[in-house]
Amino acid sequence: SHTLNGIAYKTFTTPLHELEVATNGALKNMGMTVERAEDMPNGRKIVAQAEARTIEIELERLSPEATRMRVTAIQDVPILRDSATATEIILQTESVVDEQREQRATAERQAAAKAASVKRTASNPAKK
């Protein structure tokens, strides 16, 4: 990720919808209120509110599996940008994405173990 004029960017290897869910989770975790979400060409735009800041987030679909995130935290004085907050939103979103992946991996392992157990039981009915 990097910042330019107080705007933070990061590309995630995550589909657009999943990144939007993670972004909303990160904003909630940070105590920020989502005011609206709307479609934009090739993606979604989320506008949230924090103390004395308006947060604008653009999620741009680069491919079915890659999404670019652009975050701008605008202070009450419109000319000022808060790059630290913009960067933290990206870091918190990344954390939520990692949690989502771990939860999916755990669920997949549990489902595979259950399927293997059912298969063993079905193939060896004498052990019932």
Protein backbone atom coordinates (compact mmCIF):
# COMPACT_ATOMS: atom_id res chain seq x y z
CA SER A 1 0.00 0.00 0.00
CA HIS A 2 1.05 3.61 -0.39
CA THR A 3 -0.27 7.12 0.11
CA LEU A 4 -0.43 10.06 -2.24
CA ASN A 5 -1.60 13.45 -1.00
CA GLY A 6 -3.29 11.84 1.98
CA ILE A 7 -4.98 9.16 -0.11
CA ALA A 8 -4.08 5.55 0.74
CA TYR A 9 -4.16 2.73 -1.81
CA LYS A 10 -3.84 -1.03 -1.65
CA THR A 11 -4.62 -3.86 -4.05
CA PHE A 12 -6.09 -6.98 -2.45
CA THR A 13 -6.23 -10.47 -3.93
CA THR A 14 -9.87 -10.57 -2.86
CA PRO A 15 -13.08 -10.38 -4.90
CA LEU A 16 -14.93 -7.07 -4.78
CA HIS A 17 -17.91 -8.31 -2.74
CA GLU A 18 -15.69 -9.94 -0.10
CA LEU A 19 -13.58 -6.79 0.20
CA GLU A 20 -16.71 -4.67 0.62
CA VAL A 21 -17.88 -6.93 3.46
CA ALA A 22 -14.43 -6.74 5.08
CA THR A 23 -14.32 -2.95 4.66
CA ASN A 24 -17.70 -2.56 6.36
CA GLY A 25 -16.48 -4.81 9.19
CA ALA A 26 -13.31 -2.75 9.61
CA LEU A 27 -15.28 0.51 9.69
CA LYS A 28 -17.63 -0.95 12.30
CA ASN A 29 -14.67 -2.17 14.39
CA MET A 30 -13.23 1.34 14.25
CA GLY A 31 -16.52 2.90 15.40
CA MET A 32 -17.21 4.61 12.08
CA THR A 33 -20.70 4.88 10.61
CA VAL A 34 -21.36 3.99 6.97
CA GLU A 35 -23.56 6.70 5.48
CA ARG A 36 -24.00 5.18 2.04
CA ALA A 37 -22.66 2.70 -0.47
CA GLU A 38 -23.21 3.06 -4.16
CA ASP A 39 -22.20 1.53 -7.46
CA MET A 40 -19.51 3.18 -9.52
CA PRO A 41 -17.93 2.07 -12.79
CA ASN A 42 -16.09 -1.20 -12.08
CA GLY A 43 -16.79 -1.14 -8.36
CA ARG A 44 -18.36 0.35 -5.28
CA LYS A 45 -18.02 3.58 -3.32
CA ILE A 46 -18.53 3.69 0.44
CA VAL A 47 -18.88 6.94 2.39
CA ALA A 48 -18.51 6.77 6.18
CA GLN A 49 -18.35 9.26 9.01
CA ALA A 50 -15.84 9.51 11.86
CA GLU A 51 -15.25 12.30 14.37
CA ALA A 52 -14.58 15.42 12.30
CA ARG A 53 -13.79 13.32 9.21
CA THR A 54 -15.58 12.05 6.15
CA ILE A 55 -14.20 8.77 4.86
CA GLU A 56 -14.46 8.02 1.14
CA ILE A 57 -13.57 4.51 0.02
CA GLU A 58 -13.49 3.34 -3.58
CA LEU A 59 -13.30 -0.37 -4.33
CA GLU A 60 -12.32 -0.99 -7.96
CA ARG A 61 -12.61 -4.48 -9.47
CA LEU A 62 -9.36 -5.20 -11.31
CA SER A 63 -10.24 -8.84 -12.03
CA PRO A 64 -12.63 -11.42 -10.55
CA GLU A 65 -10.06 -12.05 -7.78
CA ALA A 66 -8.35 -8.66 -7.35
CA THR A 67 -9.71 -5.37 -6.01
CA ARG A 68 -7.99 -2.03 -5.55
CA MET A 69 -8.93 -0.01 -2.47
CA ARG A 70 -8.56 3.78 -2.38
CA VAL A 71 -9.24 5.54 0.94
CA THR A 72 -9.47 9.27 1.56
CA ALA A 73 -10.07 10.65 5.06
CA ILE A 74 -11.17 14.27 4.67
CA GLN A 75 -10.95 16.46 7.75
CA ASP A 76 -13.56 19.11 8.56
CA VAL A 77 -11.38 21.63 6.77
CA PRO A 78 -11.90 20.22 3.24
CA ILE A 79 -8.38 20.93 2.06
CA LEU A 80 -6.86 18.71 4.75
CA ARG A 81 -6.41 14.96 4.32
CA ASP A 82 -5.65 12.48 7.11
CA SER A 83 -3.33 9.87 5.64
CA ALA A 84 -2.84 8.12 9.01
CA THR A 85 -6.56 7.35 9.29
CA ALA A 86 -6.78 6.32 5.63
CA THR A 87 -3.84 3.95 6.12
CA GLU A 88 -5.32 2.50 9.32
CA ILE A 89 -8.60 1.74 7.54
CA ILE A 90 -6.65 -0.26 4.97
CA LEU A 91 -4.72 -2.10 7.70
CA GLN A 92 -7.91 -2.92 9.60
CA THR A 93 -9.60 -4.11 6.39
CA GLU A 94 -6.60 -6.33 5.69
CA SER A 95 -6.96 -7.80 9.18
CA VAL A 96 -10.66 -8.56 8.58
CA VAL A 97 -9.82 -10.17 5.21
CA ASP A 98 -7.25 -12.39 6.96
CA GLU A 99 -9.82 -13.36 9.63
CA GLN A 100 -12.37 -14.21 6.93
CA ARG A 101 -9.84 -16.42 5.11
CA GLU A 102 -8.91 -18.23 8.33
CA GLN A 103 -12.59 -18.82 9.16
CA ARG A 104 -13.21 -20.24 5.67
CA ALA A 105 -10.12 -22.46 5.90
CA THR A 106 -11.21 -23.75 9.32
CA ALA A 107 -14.74 -24.45 8.05
CA GLU A 108 -13.34 -26.27 4.99
CA ARG A 109 -11.03 -28.41 7.19
CA GLN A 110 -13.93 -29.26 9.50
CA ALA A 111 -16.20 -30.15 6.57
CA ALA A 112 -13.47 -32.34 5.03
CA ALA A 113 -12.88 -34.12 8.35
CA LYS A 114 -16.61 -34.72 8.78
CA ALA A 115 -16.95 -36.01 5.22
CA ALA A 116 -13.99 -38.36 5.74
CA SER A 117 -15.55 -39.62 8.98
CA VAL A 118 -18.92 -40.25 7.30
CA LYS A 119 -17.16 -42.02 4.42
CA ARG A 120 -15.21 -44.26 6.83
CA THR A 121 -18.38 -45.10 8.76
CA ALA A 122 -20.32 -45.83 5.55
CA SER A 123 -17.59 -48.04 4.12
CA ASN A 124 -17.24 -50.02 7.36
CA PRO A 125 -20.77 -50.61 8.70
CA ALA A 126 -19.58 -53.28 11.16
CA LYS A 127 -18.12 -50.58 13.45
CA LYS A 128 -21.54 -48.98 14.10
